[in-house]
């Protein structure tokens, strides 16, 4: 008999069980992640654009300087990209990011009649993500961060740590790039575990499953990890 429509395959159920086991083990090490909203949605969106290709330690101060200089979005738009770039220069790619920010604000105002993206709150997550990605300079990672941290939606932003750890565990194939991994993980991770997955895998990627010299022997996920098994046996 064929599988009922919409029911997970045996492979899907097995992978979901493995995700749960991974998260339980990581939670035992790092503690249970507690959800908190970082910024209101528009602030999060602009902050994320500034954070592209740089660290939070660099982008957050630039964002706060930008907000101090232009506390209202219309003031920022009126100032123009050149002046915005001067303020956020330390975040890197300042000219490109300033143009993106101004263009995004103009497009949001055109669509919604105001500088607000509260319309996303009533959308299904995937639809809301597509809406954000249709804005200039907004990719799946930026869109997913906004939905995760400002709207509490079950999006999984895929940064370098999550991408690396997910590939090593076998949740993302080696031929899947970081952008496509956003969709792959939505099919693999239960909605209720999306935030846990994001936070715990980042922590593990920073502390244990490092890009260079991963600490596989000391990893609580070793028996679940094809990559780790190869490292230990080599």
N, C-alpha and C. Protein backbone atom coordinates (compact mmCIF):
# COMPACT_ATOMS: atom_id res chain seq x y z
N UNK A 1 0.85 -1.20 0.00
CA UNK A 1 0.00 0.00 0.00
C UNK A 1 0.88 1.25 0.00
N UNK A 2 0.51 2.26 -0.77
CA UNK A 2 1.29 3.48 -0.84
C UNK A 2 1.17 4.31 0.43
N UNK A 3 2.14 5.21 0.60
CA UNK A 3 2.14 6.08 1.77
C UNK A 3 1.03 7.11 1.64
N UNK A 4 0.30 7.36 2.74
CA UNK A 4 -0.77 8.35 2.72
C UNK A 4 -0.22 9.71 2.35
N UNK A 5 -0.99 10.46 1.58
CA UNK A 5 -0.56 11.78 1.14
C UNK A 5 -0.30 12.68 2.35
N UNK A 6 0.87 13.32 2.36
CA UNK A 6 1.22 14.23 3.43
C UNK A 6 1.89 13.55 4.60
N UNK A 7 1.90 12.20 4.65
CA UNK A 7 2.55 11.50 5.74
C UNK A 7 4.04 11.44 5.50
N UNK A 8 4.86 11.55 6.55
CA UNK A 8 6.30 11.51 6.35
C UNK A 8 6.76 10.13 5.93
N UNK A 9 7.78 10.05 5.10
CA UNK A 9 8.34 8.78 4.69
C UNK A 9 9.10 8.18 5.85
N UNK A 10 9.47 6.88 5.70
CA UNK A 10 10.26 6.24 6.75
C UNK A 10 11.58 6.97 6.95
N UNK A 11 12.18 7.40 5.83
CA UNK A 11 13.43 8.16 5.91
C UNK A 11 13.21 9.48 6.64
N UNK A 12 12.07 10.14 6.34
CA UNK A 12 11.77 11.40 7.01
C UNK A 12 11.56 11.24 8.49
N UNK A 13 10.85 10.15 8.87
CA UNK A 13 10.63 9.90 10.30
C UNK A 13 11.95 9.61 11.01
N UNK A 14 12.83 8.83 10.34
CA UNK A 14 14.12 8.50 10.92
C UNK A 14 14.97 9.74 11.12
N UNK A 15 14.97 10.62 10.11
CA UNK A 15 15.75 11.85 10.20
C UNK A 15 15.20 12.76 11.29
N UNK A 16 13.87 12.85 11.42
CA UNK A 16 13.26 13.67 12.46
C UNK A 16 13.64 13.16 13.84
N UNK A 17 13.68 11.83 14.01
CA UNK A 17 14.09 11.25 15.29
C UNK A 17 15.54 11.58 15.59
N UNK A 18 16.37 11.58 14.55
CA UNK A 18 17.79 11.92 14.74
C UNK A 18 17.95 13.39 15.14
N UNK A 19 17.17 14.27 14.52
CA UNK A 19 17.20 15.68 14.89
C UNK A 19 16.85 15.85 16.37
N UNK A 20 15.81 15.17 16.81
CA UNK A 20 15.38 15.26 18.21
C UNK A 20 16.49 14.79 19.14
N UNK A 21 17.15 13.69 18.77
CA UNK A 21 18.24 13.17 19.59
C UNK A 21 19.41 14.15 19.65
N UNK A 22 19.74 14.73 18.51
CA UNK A 22 20.81 15.73 18.45
C UNK A 22 20.49 16.91 19.37
N UNK A 23 19.28 17.42 19.27
CA UNK A 23 18.91 18.60 20.05
C UNK A 23 18.87 18.28 21.54
N UNK A 24 18.39 17.10 21.90
CA UNK A 24 18.37 16.72 23.31
C UNK A 24 19.79 16.66 23.88
N UNK A 25 20.70 16.10 23.12
CA UNK A 25 22.09 16.00 23.59
C UNK A 25 22.75 17.37 23.70
N UNK A 26 22.51 18.22 22.71
CA UNK A 26 23.09 19.56 22.76
C UNK A 26 22.49 20.39 23.89
N UNK A 27 21.20 20.20 24.13
CA UNK A 27 20.54 20.92 25.21
C UNK A 27 21.10 20.50 26.57
N UNK A 28 21.45 19.24 26.69
CA UNK A 28 22.06 18.76 27.94
C UNK A 28 23.40 19.44 28.17
N UNK A 29 24.08 19.79 27.09
CA UNK A 29 25.39 20.45 27.21
C UNK A 29 25.27 21.96 27.40
N UNK A 30 24.43 22.59 26.58
CA UNK A 30 24.40 24.06 26.55
C UNK A 30 23.22 24.68 27.30
N UNK A 31 22.24 23.87 27.66
CA UNK A 31 21.05 24.41 28.30
C UNK A 31 19.95 24.67 27.29
N UNK A 32 18.74 24.83 27.77
CA UNK A 32 17.58 25.04 26.89
C UNK A 32 17.54 26.48 26.39
N UNK A 33 17.51 26.68 25.08
CA UNK A 33 17.43 28.05 24.56
C UNK A 33 16.10 28.71 24.92
N UNK A 34 16.16 29.92 25.39
CA UNK A 34 14.96 30.68 25.74
C UNK A 34 14.74 31.74 24.67
N UNK A 35 13.58 31.72 24.06
CA UNK A 35 13.31 32.66 22.97
C UNK A 35 13.22 34.09 23.49
N UNK A 36 13.83 35.01 22.75
CA UNK A 36 13.68 36.43 23.06
C UNK A 36 13.71 37.22 21.76
N UNK A 37 12.87 38.22 21.71
CA UNK A 37 12.80 39.10 20.54
C UNK A 37 13.95 40.10 20.63
N UNK A 38 14.79 40.18 19.61
CA UNK A 38 15.96 41.07 19.66
C UNK A 38 15.58 42.52 19.37
N UNK A 39 14.90 42.75 18.24
CA UNK A 39 14.49 44.08 17.82
C UNK A 39 13.07 44.00 17.29
N UNK A 40 12.43 45.15 17.17
CA UNK A 40 11.16 45.16 16.45
C UNK A 40 11.46 44.88 14.97
N UNK A 41 10.47 44.44 14.20
CA UNK A 41 10.76 43.90 12.86
C UNK A 41 11.55 44.80 11.92
N UNK A 42 11.20 46.08 11.83
CA UNK A 42 11.93 46.95 10.91
C UNK A 42 13.38 47.13 11.36
N UNK A 43 13.59 47.29 12.64
CA UNK A 43 14.96 47.40 13.16
C UNK A 43 15.75 46.13 12.86
N UNK A 44 15.12 44.98 13.05
CA UNK A 44 15.80 43.70 12.79
C UNK A 44 16.19 43.59 11.32
N UNK A 45 15.30 44.00 10.44
CA UNK A 45 15.57 43.91 9.01
C UNK A 45 16.77 44.78 8.63
N UNK A 46 16.79 46.01 9.06
CA UNK A 46 17.89 46.91 8.72
C UNK A 46 19.19 46.43 9.38
N UNK A 47 19.09 45.98 10.62
CA UNK A 47 20.25 45.46 11.31
C UNK A 47 20.84 44.26 10.58
N UNK A 48 19.97 43.39 10.06
CA UNK A 48 20.44 42.20 9.33
C UNK A 48 21.14 42.56 8.03
N UNK A 49 20.64 43.56 7.34
CA UNK A 49 21.30 44.00 6.11
C UNK A 49 22.71 44.49 6.43
N UNK A 50 22.85 45.21 7.54
CA UNK A 50 24.17 45.69 7.95
C UNK A 50 25.09 44.55 8.36
N UNK A 51 24.51 43.46 8.85
CA UNK A 51 25.33 42.35 9.37
C UNK A 51 25.83 41.42 8.28
N UNK A 52 25.37 41.59 7.05
CA UNK A 52 25.79 40.70 5.97
C UNK A 52 27.30 40.78 5.75
N UNK A 53 27.95 39.62 5.74
CA UNK A 53 29.39 39.50 5.49
C UNK A 53 30.24 40.18 6.57
N UNK A 54 29.70 40.28 7.77
CA UNK A 54 30.49 40.79 8.89
C UNK A 54 29.93 40.22 10.17
N UNK A 55 30.53 40.54 11.30
CA UNK A 55 30.11 39.99 12.58
C UNK A 55 29.13 40.93 13.28
N UNK A 56 28.37 40.37 14.23
CA UNK A 56 27.46 41.19 15.04
C UNK A 56 28.24 42.25 15.81
N UNK A 57 29.45 41.91 16.23
CA UNK A 57 30.26 42.85 17.00
C UNK A 57 30.59 44.09 16.19
N UNK A 58 30.61 43.93 14.87
CA UNK A 58 30.88 45.07 13.99
C UNK A 58 29.60 45.75 13.53
N UNK A 59 28.57 44.95 13.23
CA UNK A 59 27.36 45.52 12.64
C UNK A 59 26.44 46.18 13.67
N UNK A 60 26.35 45.63 14.87
CA UNK A 60 25.43 46.22 15.87
C UNK A 60 25.80 47.65 16.23
N UNK A 61 27.08 47.96 16.51
CA UNK A 61 27.42 49.37 16.79
C UNK A 61 27.07 50.29 15.62
N UNK A 62 27.29 49.81 14.39
CA UNK A 62 26.94 50.62 13.21
C UNK A 62 25.44 50.86 13.16
N UNK A 63 24.67 49.83 13.47
CA UNK A 63 23.21 49.98 13.47
C UNK A 63 22.77 51.01 14.52
N UNK A 64 23.35 50.92 15.70
CA UNK A 64 22.95 51.86 16.76
C UNK A 64 23.35 53.30 16.41
N UNK A 65 24.48 53.48 15.74
CA UNK A 65 24.85 54.82 15.28
C UNK A 65 23.86 55.33 14.25
N UNK A 66 23.43 54.42 13.37
CA UNK A 66 22.47 54.80 12.33
C UNK A 66 21.14 55.23 12.95
N UNK A 67 20.67 54.49 13.94
CA UNK A 67 19.41 54.83 14.60
C UNK A 67 19.52 56.13 15.39
N UNK A 68 20.68 56.36 15.96
CA UNK A 68 20.88 57.61 16.71
C UNK A 68 20.87 58.81 15.76
N UNK A 69 21.44 58.63 14.58
CA UNK A 69 21.50 59.73 13.61
C UNK A 69 20.15 59.96 12.95
N UNK A 70 19.41 58.88 12.68
CA UNK A 70 18.12 58.98 12.00
C UNK A 70 17.08 58.14 12.75
N UNK A 71 16.52 58.68 13.81
CA UNK A 71 15.57 57.90 14.63
C UNK A 71 14.26 57.57 13.90
N UNK A 72 13.96 58.26 12.81
CA UNK A 72 12.78 57.97 12.01
C UNK A 72 13.23 57.50 10.63
N UNK A 73 12.55 56.48 10.10
CA UNK A 73 12.96 55.92 8.80
C UNK A 73 12.88 56.95 7.69
N UNK A 74 11.91 57.85 7.74
CA UNK A 74 11.80 58.86 6.70
C UNK A 74 13.03 59.77 6.70
N UNK A 75 13.56 60.05 7.89
CA UNK A 75 14.77 60.86 7.98
C UNK A 75 15.94 60.16 7.28
N UNK A 76 16.02 58.86 7.44
CA UNK A 76 17.09 58.10 6.81
C UNK A 76 16.94 58.13 5.29
N UNK A 77 15.73 57.91 4.81
CA UNK A 77 15.48 57.93 3.37
C UNK A 77 15.80 59.31 2.79
N UNK A 78 15.39 60.35 3.50
CA UNK A 78 15.65 61.71 3.02
C UNK A 78 17.14 62.02 3.00
N UNK A 79 17.88 61.43 3.94
CA UNK A 79 19.33 61.67 3.99
C UNK A 79 20.03 61.08 2.77
N UNK A 80 19.55 59.94 2.33
CA UNK A 80 20.12 59.31 1.14
C UNK A 80 21.24 58.32 1.45
N UNK A 81 21.53 57.48 0.47
CA UNK A 81 22.47 56.37 0.67
C UNK A 81 23.89 56.84 0.98
N UNK A 82 24.32 57.96 0.39
CA UNK A 82 25.69 58.41 0.60
C UNK A 82 25.95 58.76 2.05
N UNK A 83 25.02 59.49 2.69
CA UNK A 83 25.19 59.85 4.10
C UNK A 83 25.04 58.64 5.00
N UNK A 84 24.13 57.72 4.64
CA UNK A 84 23.98 56.48 5.41
C UNK A 84 25.28 55.70 5.37
N UNK A 85 25.90 55.61 4.20
CA UNK A 85 27.15 54.87 4.05
C UNK A 85 28.24 55.43 4.95
N UNK A 86 28.29 56.74 5.08
CA UNK A 86 29.31 57.36 5.93
C UNK A 86 29.16 56.92 7.39
N UNK A 87 27.93 56.75 7.83
CA UNK A 87 27.67 56.38 9.23
C UNK A 87 27.98 54.91 9.50
N UNK A 88 27.72 54.05 8.52
CA UNK A 88 27.87 52.60 8.74
C UNK A 88 29.15 52.07 8.11
N UNK A 89 30.11 52.93 7.84
CA UNK A 89 31.32 52.53 7.13
C UNK A 89 32.03 51.35 7.79
N UNK A 90 32.03 51.29 9.11
CA UNK A 90 32.77 50.24 9.82
C UNK A 90 32.14 48.85 9.65
N UNK A 91 30.91 48.79 9.16
CA UNK A 91 30.26 47.49 8.97
C UNK A 91 30.70 46.81 7.69
N UNK A 92 31.49 47.48 6.87
CA UNK A 92 31.96 46.90 5.63
C UNK A 92 30.92 46.98 4.53
N UNK A 93 31.39 47.02 3.28
CA UNK A 93 30.50 47.12 2.11
C UNK A 93 29.47 48.23 2.32
N UNK A 94 29.92 49.34 2.86
CA UNK A 94 29.01 50.40 3.31
C UNK A 94 28.16 50.96 2.18
N UNK A 95 28.75 51.21 1.03
CA UNK A 95 27.99 51.80 -0.07
C UNK A 95 26.88 50.86 -0.53
N UNK A 96 27.22 49.58 -0.67
CA UNK A 96 26.24 48.58 -1.11
C UNK A 96 25.12 48.43 -0.08
N UNK A 97 25.49 48.34 1.19
CA UNK A 97 24.49 48.15 2.23
C UNK A 97 23.60 49.38 2.39
N UNK A 98 24.18 50.57 2.27
CA UNK A 98 23.39 51.79 2.38
C UNK A 98 22.36 51.88 1.26
N UNK A 99 22.79 51.53 0.04
CA UNK A 99 21.83 51.53 -1.08
C UNK A 99 20.72 50.52 -0.85
N UNK A 100 21.08 49.36 -0.33
CA UNK A 100 20.07 48.33 -0.06
C UNK A 100 19.06 48.79 0.98
N UNK A 101 19.56 49.40 2.05
CA UNK A 101 18.68 49.86 3.12
C UNK A 101 17.69 50.90 2.61
N UNK A 102 18.21 51.89 1.88
CA UNK A 102 17.32 52.93 1.35
C UNK A 102 16.32 52.33 0.37
N UNK A 103 16.77 51.43 -0.48
CA UNK A 103 15.87 50.80 -1.45
C UNK A 103 14.80 49.96 -0.76
N UNK A 104 15.20 49.21 0.27
CA UNK A 104 14.25 48.38 1.02
C UNK A 104 13.19 49.26 1.69
N UNK A 105 13.63 50.34 2.31
CA UNK A 105 12.67 51.24 2.98
C UNK A 105 11.69 51.84 1.97
N UNK A 106 12.20 52.27 0.84
CA UNK A 106 11.32 52.84 -0.18
C UNK A 106 10.31 51.82 -0.68
N UNK A 107 10.76 50.58 -0.87
CA UNK A 107 9.86 49.55 -1.39
C UNK A 107 8.80 49.16 -0.34
N UNK A 108 9.19 49.09 0.91
CA UNK A 108 8.21 48.79 1.97
C UNK A 108 7.17 49.89 2.05
N UNK A 109 7.62 51.15 1.96
CA UNK A 109 6.68 52.26 2.01
C UNK A 109 5.74 52.22 0.80
N UNK A 110 6.28 51.84 -0.36
CA UNK A 110 5.45 51.77 -1.56
C UNK A 110 4.39 50.68 -1.42
N UNK A 111 4.78 49.53 -0.90
CA UNK A 111 3.83 48.41 -0.79
C UNK A 111 2.83 48.57 0.33
N UNK A 112 3.32 49.02 1.48
CA UNK A 112 2.48 49.01 2.68
C UNK A 112 1.95 50.38 3.09
N UNK A 113 2.44 51.45 2.43
CA UNK A 113 1.98 52.80 2.76
C UNK A 113 2.63 53.36 4.02
N UNK A 114 3.54 52.59 4.60
CA UNK A 114 4.25 53.03 5.81
C UNK A 114 5.51 52.19 5.97
N UNK A 115 6.38 52.64 6.87
CA UNK A 115 7.59 51.88 7.13
C UNK A 115 7.30 50.82 8.19
N UNK A 116 6.63 49.79 7.77
CA UNK A 116 6.22 48.72 8.67
C UNK A 116 6.08 47.42 7.88
N UNK A 117 6.45 46.31 8.52
CA UNK A 117 6.24 44.99 7.91
C UNK A 117 5.36 44.12 8.81
N UNK A 118 4.49 44.77 9.56
CA UNK A 118 3.57 44.02 10.42
C UNK A 118 2.60 43.16 9.62
N UNK A 119 2.47 43.46 8.32
CA UNK A 119 1.60 42.64 7.47
C UNK A 119 2.06 41.18 7.42
N UNK A 120 3.33 40.95 7.70
CA UNK A 120 3.87 39.59 7.64
C UNK A 120 3.35 38.71 8.78
N UNK A 121 2.92 39.33 9.84
CA UNK A 121 2.55 38.58 11.04
C UNK A 121 1.40 37.61 10.77
N UNK A 122 0.54 37.94 9.82
CA UNK A 122 -0.62 37.09 9.54
C UNK A 122 -0.37 36.10 8.39
N UNK A 123 0.82 36.14 7.82
CA UNK A 123 1.13 35.26 6.70
C UNK A 123 1.70 33.93 7.19
N UNK A 124 1.53 32.86 6.42
CA UNK A 124 2.29 31.63 6.67
C UNK A 124 3.78 31.94 6.56
N UNK A 125 4.60 31.24 7.30
CA UNK A 125 6.01 31.57 7.37
C UNK A 125 6.69 31.59 6.00
N UNK A 126 6.46 30.57 5.18
CA UNK A 126 7.13 30.49 3.87
C UNK A 126 6.69 31.65 2.98
N UNK A 127 5.42 32.03 3.07
CA UNK A 127 4.93 33.17 2.29
C UNK A 127 5.57 34.47 2.77
N UNK A 128 5.69 34.61 4.08
CA UNK A 128 6.32 35.81 4.64
C UNK A 128 7.79 35.89 4.25
N UNK A 129 8.45 34.76 4.22
CA UNK A 129 9.86 34.74 3.83
C UNK A 129 10.01 35.15 2.36
N UNK A 130 9.12 34.64 1.50
CA UNK A 130 9.17 35.00 0.08
C UNK A 130 8.93 36.50 -0.10
N UNK A 131 8.02 37.06 0.70
CA UNK A 131 7.74 38.50 0.62
C UNK A 131 9.00 39.30 0.95
N UNK A 132 9.68 38.90 2.01
CA UNK A 132 10.90 39.61 2.40
C UNK A 132 12.00 39.44 1.35
N UNK A 133 12.11 38.23 0.80
CA UNK A 133 13.15 37.98 -0.19
C UNK A 133 12.92 38.73 -1.50
N UNK A 134 11.71 39.20 -1.71
CA UNK A 134 11.43 39.99 -2.91
C UNK A 134 11.90 41.43 -2.76
N UNK A 135 12.36 41.81 -1.56
CA UNK A 135 12.91 43.14 -1.35
C UNK A 135 14.35 43.18 -1.84
N UNK A 136 14.85 44.35 -2.27
CA UNK A 136 16.21 44.44 -2.80
C UNK A 136 17.26 44.07 -1.74
N UNK A 137 18.15 43.15 -2.10
CA UNK A 137 19.26 42.81 -1.22
C UNK A 137 18.92 41.91 -0.05
N UNK A 138 17.72 41.34 -0.03
CA UNK A 138 17.32 40.47 1.08
C UNK A 138 17.29 39.02 0.62
N UNK A 139 18.13 38.18 1.21
CA UNK A 139 18.19 36.77 0.88
C UNK A 139 17.50 35.92 1.94
N UNK A 140 17.57 34.60 1.81
CA UNK A 140 16.86 33.73 2.74
C UNK A 140 17.37 33.82 4.18
N UNK A 141 18.67 34.05 4.37
CA UNK A 141 19.19 34.15 5.73
C UNK A 141 18.64 35.39 6.43
N UNK A 142 18.72 36.55 5.78
CA UNK A 142 18.20 37.79 6.36
C UNK A 142 16.71 37.67 6.63
N UNK A 143 15.96 37.16 5.65
CA UNK A 143 14.52 37.01 5.83
C UNK A 143 14.20 36.08 6.99
N UNK A 144 14.94 34.98 7.09
CA UNK A 144 14.68 34.01 8.16
C UNK A 144 15.01 34.56 9.54
N UNK A 145 16.06 35.37 9.63
CA UNK A 145 16.41 35.99 10.91
C UNK A 145 15.29 36.91 11.37
N UNK A 146 14.78 37.73 10.46
CA UNK A 146 13.69 38.64 10.82
C UNK A 146 12.48 37.86 11.32
N UNK A 147 12.11 36.80 10.60
CA UNK A 147 10.92 36.03 10.97
C UNK A 147 11.13 35.27 12.27
N UNK A 148 12.34 34.77 12.47
CA UNK A 148 12.64 34.02 13.69
C UNK A 148 12.68 34.92 14.91
N UNK A 149 13.46 36.00 14.84
CA UNK A 149 13.74 36.79 16.03
C UNK A 149 12.77 37.94 16.28
N UNK A 150 12.01 38.35 15.28
CA UNK A 150 11.05 39.43 15.52
C UNK A 150 9.60 38.98 15.49
N UNK A 151 9.33 37.86 14.81
CA UNK A 151 7.95 37.38 14.71
C UNK A 151 7.75 36.03 15.40
N UNK A 152 8.82 35.40 15.84
CA UNK A 152 8.70 34.11 16.50
C UNK A 152 8.22 33.00 15.58
N UNK A 153 8.47 33.13 14.27
CA UNK A 153 8.05 32.11 13.33
C UNK A 153 9.10 30.99 13.25
N UNK A 154 8.69 29.80 12.82
CA UNK A 154 9.61 28.65 12.80
C UNK A 154 10.55 28.65 11.60
N UNK A 155 11.21 29.77 11.36
CA UNK A 155 12.23 29.85 10.32
C UNK A 155 13.57 29.44 10.94
N UNK A 156 14.45 28.88 10.12
CA UNK A 156 15.78 28.49 10.59
C UNK A 156 16.82 29.25 9.78
N UNK A 157 17.33 30.36 10.30
CA UNK A 157 18.39 31.07 9.59
C UNK A 157 19.63 30.18 9.52
N UNK A 158 20.21 30.05 8.34
CA UNK A 158 21.37 29.18 8.15
C UNK A 158 22.62 30.03 8.00
N UNK A 159 23.40 30.10 9.08
CA UNK A 159 24.68 30.79 9.02
C UNK A 159 25.78 29.75 8.75
N UNK A 160 27.02 30.19 8.78
CA UNK A 160 28.12 29.28 8.44
C UNK A 160 28.23 28.10 9.41
N UNK A 161 27.92 28.34 10.70
CA UNK A 161 28.00 27.26 11.69
C UNK A 161 26.90 26.23 11.47
N UNK A 162 25.68 26.71 11.30
CA UNK A 162 24.55 25.79 11.10
C UNK A 162 24.72 25.00 9.81
N UNK A 163 25.20 25.65 8.79
CA UNK A 163 25.41 24.96 7.51
C UNK A 163 26.46 23.86 7.66
N UNK A 164 27.55 24.18 8.31
CA UNK A 164 28.64 23.21 8.49
C UNK A 164 28.20 22.02 9.35
N UNK A 165 27.59 22.28 10.49
CA UNK A 165 27.19 21.20 11.40
C UNK A 165 26.09 20.36 10.77
N UNK A 166 25.15 20.99 10.08
CA UNK A 166 24.06 20.25 9.43
C UNK A 166 24.59 19.32 8.35
N UNK A 167 25.59 19.78 7.59
CA UNK A 167 26.18 18.92 6.56
C UNK A 167 26.92 17.75 7.20
N UNK A 168 27.67 18.02 8.25
CA UNK A 168 28.44 16.95 8.89
C UNK A 168 27.53 15.88 9.50
N UNK A 169 26.38 16.32 10.00
CA UNK A 169 25.43 15.37 10.59
C UNK A 169 24.60 14.63 9.53
N UNK A 170 24.65 15.11 8.30
CA UNK A 170 23.91 14.48 7.23
C UNK A 170 22.51 15.02 7.02
N UNK A 171 22.18 16.15 7.65
CA UNK A 171 20.86 16.74 7.47
C UNK A 171 20.79 17.57 6.19
N UNK A 172 21.94 17.98 5.69
CA UNK A 172 22.04 18.73 4.43
C UNK A 172 23.08 18.04 3.58
N UNK A 173 22.77 17.80 2.33
CA UNK A 173 23.71 17.09 1.45
C UNK A 173 24.86 18.00 1.05
N UNK A 174 25.93 17.39 0.61
CA UNK A 174 27.10 18.15 0.21
C UNK A 174 26.89 18.99 -1.02
N UNK A 175 25.86 18.68 -1.80
CA UNK A 175 25.59 19.44 -3.03
C UNK A 175 24.58 20.57 -2.80
N UNK A 176 24.07 20.69 -1.60
CA UNK A 176 23.09 21.73 -1.27
C UNK A 176 23.81 22.96 -0.75
N UNK A 177 23.60 24.12 -1.39
CA UNK A 177 24.28 25.32 -0.90
C UNK A 177 23.53 25.91 0.29
N UNK A 178 24.12 26.94 0.90
CA UNK A 178 23.57 27.49 2.14
C UNK A 178 22.18 28.08 1.93
N UNK A 179 21.93 28.68 0.77
CA UNK A 179 20.61 29.25 0.52
C UNK A 179 19.54 28.16 0.44
N UNK A 180 19.84 27.10 -0.31
CA UNK A 180 18.88 26.01 -0.45
C UNK A 180 18.72 25.22 0.85
N UNK A 181 19.73 25.29 1.71
CA UNK A 181 19.65 24.58 2.99
C UNK A 181 18.50 25.10 3.85
N UNK A 182 18.10 26.35 3.65
CA UNK A 182 16.96 26.89 4.40
C UNK A 182 15.71 26.05 4.15
N UNK A 183 15.48 25.67 2.91
CA UNK A 183 14.31 24.84 2.58
C UNK A 183 14.49 23.40 3.03
N UNK A 184 15.69 22.88 2.86
CA UNK A 184 15.96 21.50 3.27
C UNK A 184 15.69 21.32 4.76
N UNK A 185 16.15 22.26 5.57
CA UNK A 185 15.99 22.13 7.02
C UNK A 185 14.54 22.32 7.45
N UNK A 186 13.79 23.10 6.70
CA UNK A 186 12.37 23.23 7.02
C UNK A 186 11.65 21.90 6.86
N UNK A 187 12.13 21.06 5.95
CA UNK A 187 11.53 19.75 5.73
C UNK A 187 12.04 18.72 6.73
N UNK A 188 13.17 19.01 7.35
CA UNK A 188 13.82 18.04 8.24
C UNK A 188 13.51 18.28 9.71
N UNK A 189 13.42 19.55 10.09
CA UNK A 189 13.26 19.93 11.50
C UNK A 189 11.81 20.28 11.78
N UNK A 190 11.24 19.71 12.83
CA UNK A 190 9.87 20.04 13.22
C UNK A 190 9.77 21.52 13.57
N UNK A 191 8.63 22.12 13.26
CA UNK A 191 8.43 23.55 13.54
C UNK A 191 8.71 23.88 15.00
N UNK A 192 8.30 23.00 15.89
CA UNK A 192 8.47 23.26 17.32
C UNK A 192 9.94 23.26 17.75
N UNK A 193 10.81 22.70 16.89
CA UNK A 193 12.24 22.63 17.21
C UNK A 193 13.08 23.63 16.44
N UNK A 194 12.46 24.47 15.63
CA UNK A 194 13.21 25.36 14.74
C UNK A 194 14.14 26.29 15.52
N UNK A 195 13.63 26.94 16.55
CA UNK A 195 14.46 27.89 17.31
C UNK A 195 15.57 27.15 18.05
N UNK A 196 15.25 26.00 18.65
CA UNK A 196 16.25 25.19 19.34
C UNK A 196 17.37 24.81 18.36
N UNK A 197 16.99 24.38 17.19
CA UNK A 197 17.96 23.95 16.19
C UNK A 197 18.91 25.10 15.86
N UNK A 198 18.34 26.25 15.59
CA UNK A 198 19.16 27.41 15.22
C UNK A 198 20.16 27.76 16.32
N UNK A 199 19.69 27.91 17.53
CA UNK A 199 20.56 28.37 18.62
C UNK A 199 21.58 27.31 19.02
N UNK A 200 21.15 26.07 19.16
CA UNK A 200 22.04 25.03 19.65
C UNK A 200 23.12 24.67 18.64
N UNK A 201 22.78 24.63 17.35
CA UNK A 201 23.80 24.30 16.37
C UNK A 201 24.82 25.42 16.19
N UNK A 202 24.41 26.66 16.37
CA UNK A 202 25.38 27.75 16.35
C UNK A 202 26.36 27.59 17.51
N UNK A 203 25.85 27.33 18.71
CA UNK A 203 26.72 27.16 19.87
C UNK A 203 27.69 26.00 19.65
N UNK A 204 27.17 24.90 19.13
CA UNK A 204 28.02 23.73 18.94
C UNK A 204 29.06 23.97 17.84
N UNK A 205 28.67 24.69 16.81
CA UNK A 205 29.61 25.00 15.74
C UNK A 205 30.74 25.90 16.22
N UNK A 206 30.45 26.79 17.14
CA UNK A 206 31.47 27.70 17.65
C UNK A 206 32.41 27.01 18.63
N UNK A 207 31.86 26.11 19.45
CA UNK A 207 32.64 25.56 20.54
C UNK A 207 33.28 24.20 20.25
N UNK A 208 32.61 23.36 19.47
CA UNK A 208 33.08 21.98 19.27
C UNK A 208 33.26 21.64 17.80
N UNK A 209 32.20 21.79 17.01
CA UNK A 209 32.22 21.39 15.61
C UNK A 209 32.78 22.52 14.75
N UNK A 210 34.03 22.85 15.00
CA UNK A 210 34.66 24.00 14.36
C UNK A 210 35.04 23.68 12.92
N UNK A 211 35.21 24.73 12.13
CA UNK A 211 35.58 24.53 10.73
C UNK A 211 36.94 23.86 10.63
N UNK A 212 37.88 24.33 11.41
CA UNK A 212 39.23 23.75 11.46
C UNK A 212 39.41 23.05 12.80
N UNK A 213 39.96 21.87 12.78
CA UNK A 213 40.24 21.08 13.98
C UNK A 213 38.99 20.88 14.86
N UNK A 214 37.93 20.29 14.30
CA UNK A 214 36.74 20.01 15.13
C UNK A 214 37.09 19.01 16.24
N UNK A 215 36.46 19.16 17.37
CA UNK A 215 36.76 18.33 18.55
C UNK A 215 35.88 17.09 18.55
N UNK A 216 36.02 16.27 17.53
CA UNK A 216 35.12 15.13 17.33
C UNK A 216 35.18 14.12 18.47
N UNK A 217 36.36 13.85 18.99
CA UNK A 217 36.50 12.84 20.04
C UNK A 217 35.73 13.25 21.29
N UNK A 218 35.65 14.55 21.55
CA UNK A 218 34.98 15.04 22.75
C UNK A 218 33.52 15.41 22.50
N UNK A 219 33.01 15.10 21.30
CA UNK A 219 31.67 15.55 20.92
C UNK A 219 30.60 14.55 21.33
N UNK A 220 29.54 15.04 21.96
CA UNK A 220 28.44 14.19 22.38
C UNK A 220 27.59 13.69 21.22
N UNK A 221 27.87 14.20 20.02
CA UNK A 221 27.13 13.76 18.84
C UNK A 221 27.91 12.76 17.99
N UNK A 222 29.07 12.33 18.47
CA UNK A 222 29.98 11.53 17.66
C UNK A 222 29.30 10.31 17.04
N UNK A 223 28.56 9.56 17.83
CA UNK A 223 27.96 8.33 17.30
C UNK A 223 26.84 8.60 16.30
N UNK A 224 26.35 9.85 16.25
CA UNK A 224 25.29 10.23 15.32
C UNK A 224 25.83 10.92 14.07
N UNK A 225 27.13 11.14 14.03
CA UNK A 225 27.73 12.02 13.02
C UNK A 225 28.62 11.25 12.04
N UNK A 226 28.22 11.12 10.78
CA UNK A 226 29.05 10.44 9.78
C UNK A 226 30.42 11.10 9.62
N UNK A 227 30.46 12.42 9.65
CA UNK A 227 31.73 13.14 9.51
C UNK A 227 32.65 12.81 10.67
N UNK A 228 32.12 12.87 11.89
CA UNK A 228 32.93 12.60 13.08
C UNK A 228 33.47 11.18 13.10
N UNK A 229 32.66 10.25 12.66
CA UNK A 229 33.09 8.85 12.60
C UNK A 229 34.30 8.69 11.67
N UNK A 230 34.27 9.38 10.55
CA UNK A 230 35.38 9.30 9.61
C UNK A 230 36.64 9.92 10.21
N UNK A 231 36.46 11.06 10.89
CA UNK A 231 37.60 11.74 11.49
C UNK A 231 38.27 10.85 12.53
N UNK A 232 37.48 10.24 13.37
CA UNK A 232 38.01 9.40 14.44
C UNK A 232 38.72 8.17 13.89
N UNK A 233 38.20 7.62 12.81
CA UNK A 233 38.79 6.40 12.24
C UNK A 233 40.02 6.68 11.38
N UNK A 234 40.19 7.92 10.97
CA UNK A 234 41.31 8.24 10.08
C UNK A 234 42.64 8.36 10.83
